[in-house]
Structures are given as C-alpha cells and as structure tokens.
C-alpha cells in the first residue's frame, strides 16, 4: 500500500514527560489526527478505511519506505523522521505493532515548501506469518 502523508513534527517534540509518565504531546496528537485524516481521504488507494476495515499488512511482517520532501532547507536528521510516522501509522491501525517492521528505508527526495510531504510505501515482507 502506498499513500501520501503530511510532514511530521520533530521526533523531539512528539513525546513529553509529565509527572513521571511519557505522554504524546499536543503536537503529536495533532500529527496523529492529520495522518488518520490523510489515510481516510486515500482509503480507496490504500485498500482499507482506518479504524473500520483491516489493512492487508496488519498481521504480517512488513517493509516501510519513506520518501520525504522537506518543508524547508534546514539541516535535519533523516533518522528522526521515521519514529513519528511509524507511531502515527500504528495509532491509525495500519499495523498491530511497529515491531512487525523488518526493514525501514528513509530517503530525502528534495524540498517542497512550505509544508513538505511524505510518500510512504508498506509492503509485506517475505517472512513467516506472525502469531
């Protein structure tokens, strides 16, 4: 399945420590909401409706590829890009757990001001069925 998502906030701003607990920040909750809305808008192309029908890769090992168009020319670490996206896709019900991923590829493709975008491709991997 392949879909387009909004560019995420920094991984450093997604989680907050509050009273000894780690919680999703307001910015993180907003990003999860935007990802879910993008998936619902693209449901015909991706083959499921988030929260309603089961996606094809739900119970399988998978590979996730992220092609990123950056929102500006600031220096960014590509490895900080993946975690917010992976967590938001899990929250949207694309897969049961991100531990199902066996391969992750993130590629910087260029710039697309002012907001940037991601094209995410998830494919079933050649491993055995998850229990």
N, C-alpha and C. Protein backbone atom coordinates (compact mmCIF):
# COMPACT_ATOMS: atom_id res chain seq x y z
N UNK A 1 0.85 -1.17 0.00
CA UNK A 1 0.00 0.00 0.00
C UNK A 1 0.89 1.23 0.00
N UNK A 2 0.39 2.27 -0.66
CA UNK A 2 1.19 3.49 -0.81
C UNK A 2 0.27 4.69 -0.57
N UNK A 3 0.76 5.66 0.19
CA UNK A 3 -0.05 6.82 0.48
C UNK A 3 0.84 8.03 0.77
N UNK A 4 0.23 9.20 0.72
CA UNK A 4 0.92 10.45 0.98
C UNK A 4 0.50 10.96 2.35
N UNK A 5 1.49 11.39 3.13
CA UNK A 5 1.23 11.89 4.49
C UNK A 5 1.83 13.27 4.67
N UNK A 6 1.33 14.01 5.65
CA UNK A 6 1.94 15.30 5.97
C UNK A 6 3.32 15.09 6.60
N UNK A 7 4.17 16.08 6.45
CA UNK A 7 5.49 16.02 7.06
C UNK A 7 5.34 16.10 8.58
N UNK A 8 6.05 15.27 9.33
CA UNK A 8 5.86 15.23 10.79
C UNK A 8 6.61 16.32 11.53
N UNK A 9 6.17 16.62 12.74
CA UNK A 9 6.97 17.48 13.61
C UNK A 9 8.22 16.71 14.04
N UNK A 10 9.16 17.40 14.61
CA UNK A 10 10.38 16.76 15.08
C UNK A 10 10.07 15.66 16.09
N UNK A 11 10.81 14.58 16.02
CA UNK A 11 10.64 13.48 16.98
C UNK A 11 10.86 13.97 18.41
N UNK A 12 11.66 15.00 18.57
CA UNK A 12 11.93 15.56 19.90
C UNK A 12 10.73 16.30 20.49
N UNK A 13 9.72 16.60 19.66
CA UNK A 13 8.56 17.33 20.15
C UNK A 13 7.30 16.49 20.22
N UNK A 14 7.40 15.21 19.91
CA UNK A 14 6.23 14.33 19.89
C UNK A 14 5.87 13.82 21.28
N UNK A 15 6.85 13.53 22.08
CA UNK A 15 6.62 12.94 23.41
C UNK A 15 7.03 13.91 24.50
N UNK A 16 6.31 13.88 25.63
CA UNK A 16 6.59 14.75 26.77
C UNK A 16 6.55 13.92 28.05
N UNK A 17 7.41 14.28 29.00
CA UNK A 17 7.38 13.65 30.32
C UNK A 17 6.54 14.53 31.24
N UNK A 18 5.50 13.92 31.83
CA UNK A 18 4.60 14.64 32.73
C UNK A 18 4.38 13.76 33.96
N UNK A 19 4.76 14.26 35.11
CA UNK A 19 4.58 13.53 36.37
C UNK A 19 5.14 12.11 36.30
N UNK A 20 6.31 11.99 35.70
CA UNK A 20 6.97 10.69 35.64
C UNK A 20 6.45 9.76 34.56
N UNK A 21 5.51 10.22 33.77
CA UNK A 21 4.97 9.41 32.67
C UNK A 21 5.34 10.06 31.34
N UNK A 22 5.49 9.26 30.32
CA UNK A 22 5.74 9.78 28.98
C UNK A 22 4.43 9.74 28.22
N UNK A 23 4.03 10.91 27.72
CA UNK A 23 2.75 11.01 27.01
C UNK A 23 2.95 11.67 25.65
N UNK A 24 2.01 11.47 24.78
CA UNK A 24 2.01 12.10 23.47
C UNK A 24 1.69 13.58 23.65
N UNK A 25 2.51 14.45 23.09
CA UNK A 25 2.31 15.89 23.23
C UNK A 25 1.10 16.34 22.39
N UNK A 26 0.67 17.56 22.59
CA UNK A 26 -0.43 18.12 21.80
C UNK A 26 -0.04 18.13 20.32
N UNK A 27 1.20 18.46 20.05
CA UNK A 27 1.68 18.46 18.66
C UNK A 27 1.67 17.04 18.09
N UNK A 28 2.03 16.07 18.91
CA UNK A 28 2.00 14.67 18.50
C UNK A 28 0.57 14.19 18.23
N UNK A 29 -0.36 14.58 19.11
CA UNK A 29 -1.76 14.20 18.89
C UNK A 29 -2.30 14.84 17.61
N UNK A 30 -1.90 16.09 17.35
CA UNK A 30 -2.31 16.76 16.12
C UNK A 30 -1.79 16.05 14.89
N UNK A 31 -0.54 15.58 14.96
CA UNK A 31 0.03 14.87 13.82
C UNK A 31 -0.69 13.54 13.60
N UNK A 32 -0.97 12.82 14.67
CA UNK A 32 -1.72 11.56 14.55
C UNK A 32 -3.07 11.81 13.89
N UNK A 33 -3.73 12.90 14.28
CA UNK A 33 -5.03 13.24 13.68
C UNK A 33 -4.89 13.54 12.19
N UNK A 34 -3.86 14.30 11.80
CA UNK A 34 -3.65 14.63 10.39
C UNK A 34 -3.33 13.38 9.56
N UNK A 35 -2.54 12.45 10.14
CA UNK A 35 -2.23 11.20 9.44
C UNK A 35 -3.50 10.38 9.24
N UNK A 36 -4.30 10.24 10.28
CA UNK A 36 -5.54 9.48 10.18
C UNK A 36 -6.46 10.10 9.12
N UNK A 37 -6.57 11.41 9.12
CA UNK A 37 -7.41 12.10 8.12
C UNK A 37 -6.87 11.86 6.71
N UNK A 38 -5.55 11.89 6.54
CA UNK A 38 -4.96 11.65 5.21
C UNK A 38 -5.24 10.22 4.76
N UNK A 39 -5.15 9.26 5.67
CA UNK A 39 -5.42 7.87 5.32
C UNK A 39 -6.89 7.67 4.94
N UNK A 40 -7.79 8.32 5.67
CA UNK A 40 -9.22 8.21 5.34
C UNK A 40 -9.48 8.81 3.96
N UNK A 41 -8.86 9.95 3.65
CA UNK A 41 -9.03 10.58 2.34
C UNK A 41 -8.53 9.67 1.21
N UNK A 42 -7.53 8.84 1.51
CA UNK A 42 -6.91 7.99 0.48
C UNK A 42 -7.34 6.53 0.59
N UNK A 43 -8.43 6.25 1.29
CA UNK A 43 -8.80 4.86 1.59
C UNK A 43 -8.97 4.00 0.34
N UNK A 44 -9.47 4.55 -0.75
CA UNK A 44 -9.65 3.74 -1.96
C UNK A 44 -8.30 3.30 -2.52
N UNK A 45 -7.30 4.18 -2.44
CA UNK A 45 -5.98 3.86 -2.98
C UNK A 45 -5.21 2.90 -2.09
N UNK A 46 -5.45 2.94 -0.78
CA UNK A 46 -4.66 2.11 0.13
C UNK A 46 -5.34 0.80 0.50
N UNK A 47 -6.62 0.66 0.17
CA UNK A 47 -7.29 -0.62 0.34
C UNK A 47 -7.95 -0.89 1.67
N UNK A 48 -8.07 0.11 2.53
CA UNK A 48 -8.77 -0.06 3.79
C UNK A 48 -9.19 1.30 4.33
N UNK A 49 -10.11 1.29 5.27
CA UNK A 49 -10.54 2.51 5.93
C UNK A 49 -10.02 2.46 7.36
N UNK A 50 -9.13 3.37 7.76
CA UNK A 50 -8.56 3.33 9.11
C UNK A 50 -9.65 3.29 10.18
N UNK A 51 -9.49 2.37 11.12
CA UNK A 51 -10.42 2.22 12.22
C UNK A 51 -11.67 1.42 11.89
N UNK A 52 -11.86 1.06 10.62
CA UNK A 52 -13.07 0.32 10.23
C UNK A 52 -12.74 -1.03 9.63
N UNK A 53 -11.88 -1.05 8.61
CA UNK A 53 -11.52 -2.32 7.99
C UNK A 53 -10.05 -2.64 8.21
N UNK A 54 -9.74 -3.91 8.17
CA UNK A 54 -8.39 -4.39 8.44
C UNK A 54 -7.49 -4.20 7.21
N UNK A 55 -6.32 -3.53 7.38
CA UNK A 55 -5.41 -3.36 6.24
C UNK A 55 -4.75 -4.68 5.87
N UNK A 56 -4.29 -4.82 4.64
CA UNK A 56 -3.71 -6.07 4.18
C UNK A 56 -2.47 -6.52 4.94
N UNK A 57 -1.70 -5.60 5.50
CA UNK A 57 -0.44 -5.97 6.16
C UNK A 57 -0.59 -6.11 7.67
N UNK A 58 -1.80 -6.06 8.19
CA UNK A 58 -1.99 -5.99 9.63
C UNK A 58 -1.30 -7.11 10.42
N UNK A 59 -1.37 -8.35 9.97
CA UNK A 59 -0.80 -9.46 10.71
C UNK A 59 0.48 -10.02 10.09
N UNK A 60 1.17 -9.23 9.30
CA UNK A 60 2.34 -9.73 8.61
C UNK A 60 3.56 -8.87 8.89
N UNK A 61 4.73 -9.44 8.69
CA UNK A 61 5.97 -8.67 8.72
C UNK A 61 5.93 -7.73 7.53
N UNK A 62 6.53 -6.56 7.65
CA UNK A 62 6.47 -5.63 6.54
C UNK A 62 7.73 -4.78 6.42
N UNK A 63 7.86 -4.19 5.26
CA UNK A 63 8.90 -3.21 4.96
C UNK A 63 8.21 -1.86 4.82
N UNK A 64 8.81 -0.83 5.37
CA UNK A 64 8.26 0.52 5.23
C UNK A 64 9.32 1.40 4.57
N UNK A 65 8.89 2.09 3.51
CA UNK A 65 9.77 3.01 2.80
C UNK A 65 9.15 4.40 2.88
N UNK A 66 9.97 5.38 3.25
CA UNK A 66 9.50 6.75 3.39
C UNK A 66 10.31 7.63 2.44
N UNK A 67 9.64 8.24 1.48
CA UNK A 67 10.26 9.23 0.60
C UNK A 67 9.82 10.59 1.12
N UNK A 68 10.80 11.43 1.44
CA UNK A 68 10.50 12.70 2.12
C UNK A 68 10.88 13.91 1.27
N UNK A 69 9.93 14.82 1.15
CA UNK A 69 10.18 16.12 0.57
C UNK A 69 10.14 17.10 1.74
N UNK A 70 11.26 17.70 2.06
CA UNK A 70 11.41 18.53 3.25
C UNK A 70 10.66 19.85 3.08
N UNK A 71 10.16 20.40 4.20
CA UNK A 71 9.40 21.65 4.12
C UNK A 71 10.28 22.89 3.91
N UNK A 72 11.57 22.77 4.19
CA UNK A 72 12.49 23.89 4.01
C UNK A 72 13.92 23.33 3.92
N UNK A 73 14.89 24.20 3.86
CA UNK A 73 16.27 23.77 3.66
C UNK A 73 17.08 23.65 4.95
N UNK A 74 16.40 23.67 6.09
CA UNK A 74 17.13 23.49 7.36
C UNK A 74 17.76 22.10 7.40
N UNK A 75 18.86 21.99 8.13
CA UNK A 75 19.50 20.69 8.30
C UNK A 75 18.62 19.82 9.20
N UNK A 76 18.41 18.59 8.78
CA UNK A 76 17.56 17.66 9.53
C UNK A 76 18.19 16.29 9.50
N UNK A 77 18.03 15.55 10.59
CA UNK A 77 18.49 14.17 10.64
C UNK A 77 17.40 13.28 10.09
N UNK A 78 17.72 12.52 9.06
CA UNK A 78 16.73 11.66 8.41
C UNK A 78 16.21 10.58 9.37
N UNK A 79 17.03 10.17 10.33
CA UNK A 79 16.58 9.12 11.25
C UNK A 79 15.51 9.62 12.22
N UNK A 80 15.43 10.91 12.46
CA UNK A 80 14.38 11.45 13.33
C UNK A 80 13.03 11.53 12.62
N UNK A 81 13.03 11.31 11.33
CA UNK A 81 11.81 11.38 10.54
C UNK A 81 10.92 10.17 10.75
N UNK A 82 11.52 9.00 10.90
CA UNK A 82 10.76 7.75 10.87
C UNK A 82 9.87 7.53 12.09
N UNK A 83 10.35 7.77 13.29
CA UNK A 83 9.60 7.40 14.50
C UNK A 83 8.21 8.04 14.59
N UNK A 84 8.06 9.36 14.38
CA UNK A 84 6.71 9.93 14.44
C UNK A 84 5.77 9.33 13.41
N UNK A 85 6.29 9.03 12.22
CA UNK A 85 5.46 8.46 11.16
C UNK A 85 5.03 7.04 11.52
N UNK A 86 5.99 6.24 11.96
CA UNK A 86 5.69 4.85 12.33
C UNK A 86 4.68 4.79 13.47
N UNK A 87 4.85 5.64 14.47
CA UNK A 87 3.91 5.67 15.59
C UNK A 87 2.52 6.11 15.16
N UNK A 88 2.44 7.10 14.28
CA UNK A 88 1.13 7.59 13.82
C UNK A 88 0.42 6.52 12.98
N UNK A 89 1.17 5.77 12.18
CA UNK A 89 0.55 4.71 11.38
C UNK A 89 0.05 3.58 12.26
N UNK A 90 0.78 3.28 13.33
CA UNK A 90 0.32 2.27 14.28
C UNK A 90 -0.98 2.75 14.95
N UNK A 91 -1.00 4.01 15.38
CA UNK A 91 -2.19 4.57 16.03
C UNK A 91 -3.39 4.55 15.08
N UNK A 92 -3.14 4.69 13.78
CA UNK A 92 -4.23 4.67 12.79
C UNK A 92 -4.68 3.25 12.46
N UNK A 93 -3.97 2.25 12.96
CA UNK A 93 -4.37 0.87 12.74
C UNK A 93 -3.82 0.24 11.48
N UNK A 94 -2.79 0.83 10.91
CA UNK A 94 -2.20 0.26 9.70
C UNK A 94 -1.53 -1.07 10.00
N UNK A 95 -0.95 -1.20 11.18
CA UNK A 95 -0.37 -2.47 11.63
C UNK A 95 -0.53 -2.57 13.13
N UNK A 96 -0.39 -3.77 13.64
CA UNK A 96 -0.60 -4.02 15.06
C UNK A 96 0.52 -3.40 15.90
N UNK A 97 1.76 -3.55 15.47
CA UNK A 97 2.89 -3.05 16.24
C UNK A 97 4.05 -2.76 15.30
N UNK A 98 4.82 -1.71 15.60
CA UNK A 98 5.94 -1.39 14.73
C UNK A 98 7.08 -2.41 14.83
N UNK A 99 7.00 -3.33 15.77
CA UNK A 99 7.99 -4.41 15.82
C UNK A 99 7.80 -5.38 14.65
N UNK A 100 6.71 -5.26 13.91
CA UNK A 100 6.48 -6.09 12.73
C UNK A 100 7.36 -5.66 11.56
N UNK A 101 7.93 -4.47 11.64
CA UNK A 101 8.78 -3.98 10.55
C UNK A 101 10.11 -4.73 10.55
N UNK A 102 10.49 -5.21 9.38
CA UNK A 102 11.77 -5.89 9.24
C UNK A 102 12.77 -5.06 8.45
N UNK A 103 12.27 -4.02 7.80
CA UNK A 103 13.15 -3.15 7.02
C UNK A 103 12.54 -1.76 6.98
N UNK A 104 13.39 -0.76 7.15
CA UNK A 104 12.97 0.63 7.11
C UNK A 104 13.94 1.39 6.21
N UNK A 105 13.38 2.10 5.24
CA UNK A 105 14.19 2.91 4.34
C UNK A 105 13.62 4.32 4.33
N UNK A 106 14.44 5.31 4.61
CA UNK A 106 14.01 6.71 4.55
C UNK A 106 14.93 7.44 3.57
N UNK A 107 14.32 8.12 2.61
CA UNK A 107 15.08 8.79 1.56
C UNK A 107 14.65 10.24 1.46
N UNK A 108 15.63 11.14 1.47
CA UNK A 108 15.36 12.56 1.27
C UNK A 108 15.29 12.80 -0.24
N UNK A 109 14.15 13.28 -0.71
CA UNK A 109 13.95 13.46 -2.15
C UNK A 109 14.13 14.89 -2.63
N UNK A 110 13.99 15.85 -1.73
CA UNK A 110 14.10 17.24 -2.14
C UNK A 110 13.33 18.14 -1.20
N UNK A 111 12.88 19.26 -1.73
CA UNK A 111 12.19 20.26 -0.90
C UNK A 111 10.84 20.58 -1.52
N UNK A 112 9.86 20.80 -0.65
CA UNK A 112 8.53 21.18 -1.09
C UNK A 112 7.92 22.14 -0.08
N UNK A 113 8.43 23.38 -0.05
CA UNK A 113 7.89 24.36 0.89
C UNK A 113 6.43 24.65 0.59
N UNK A 114 5.62 25.08 1.53
CA UNK A 114 6.04 25.37 2.90
C UNK A 114 5.87 24.20 3.86
N UNK A 115 5.16 23.13 3.45
CA UNK A 115 4.82 22.09 4.42
C UNK A 115 5.55 20.77 4.23
N UNK A 116 6.13 20.53 3.08
CA UNK A 116 6.76 19.23 2.83
C UNK A 116 5.70 18.14 2.73
N UNK A 117 6.16 16.92 2.42
CA UNK A 117 5.24 15.78 2.38
C UNK A 117 6.04 14.50 2.40
N UNK A 118 5.36 13.42 2.67
CA UNK A 118 5.96 12.09 2.67
C UNK A 118 5.15 11.19 1.76
N UNK A 119 5.83 10.31 1.05
CA UNK A 119 5.16 9.23 0.35
C UNK A 119 5.64 7.96 1.03
N UNK A 120 4.71 7.22 1.62
CA UNK A 120 5.04 6.04 2.41
C UNK A 120 4.53 4.80 1.66
N UNK A 121 5.41 3.82 1.54
CA UNK A 121 5.05 2.55 0.91
C UNK A 121 5.27 1.44 1.92
N UNK A 122 4.24 0.64 2.15
CA UNK A 122 4.35 -0.51 3.06
C UNK A 122 4.07 -1.76 2.25
N UNK A 123 5.01 -2.70 2.31
CA UNK A 123 4.84 -3.95 1.58
C UNK A 123 5.07 -5.12 2.52
N UNK A 124 4.35 -6.18 2.28
CA UNK A 124 4.52 -7.40 3.07
C UNK A 124 5.89 -7.98 2.77
N UNK A 125 6.59 -8.40 3.81
CA UNK A 125 7.93 -8.96 3.65
C UNK A 125 7.86 -10.48 3.56
N UNK A 126 8.91 -11.04 3.04
CA UNK A 126 8.99 -12.48 2.84
C UNK A 126 9.43 -13.17 4.14
N UNK A 127 8.62 -13.11 5.14
CA UNK A 127 8.87 -13.80 6.40
C UNK A 127 7.59 -14.53 6.78
N UNK A 128 7.68 -15.34 7.79
CA UNK A 128 6.51 -16.13 8.18
C UNK A 128 5.44 -15.28 8.85
N UNK A 129 4.26 -15.84 8.90
CA UNK A 129 3.10 -15.20 9.50
C UNK A 129 3.34 -14.96 10.99
N UNK A 130 2.88 -13.82 11.48
CA UNK A 130 3.00 -13.52 12.91
C UNK A 130 1.97 -14.29 13.70
N UNK A 131 2.32 -14.78 14.87
CA UNK A 131 1.32 -15.49 15.70
C UNK A 131 0.27 -14.54 16.23
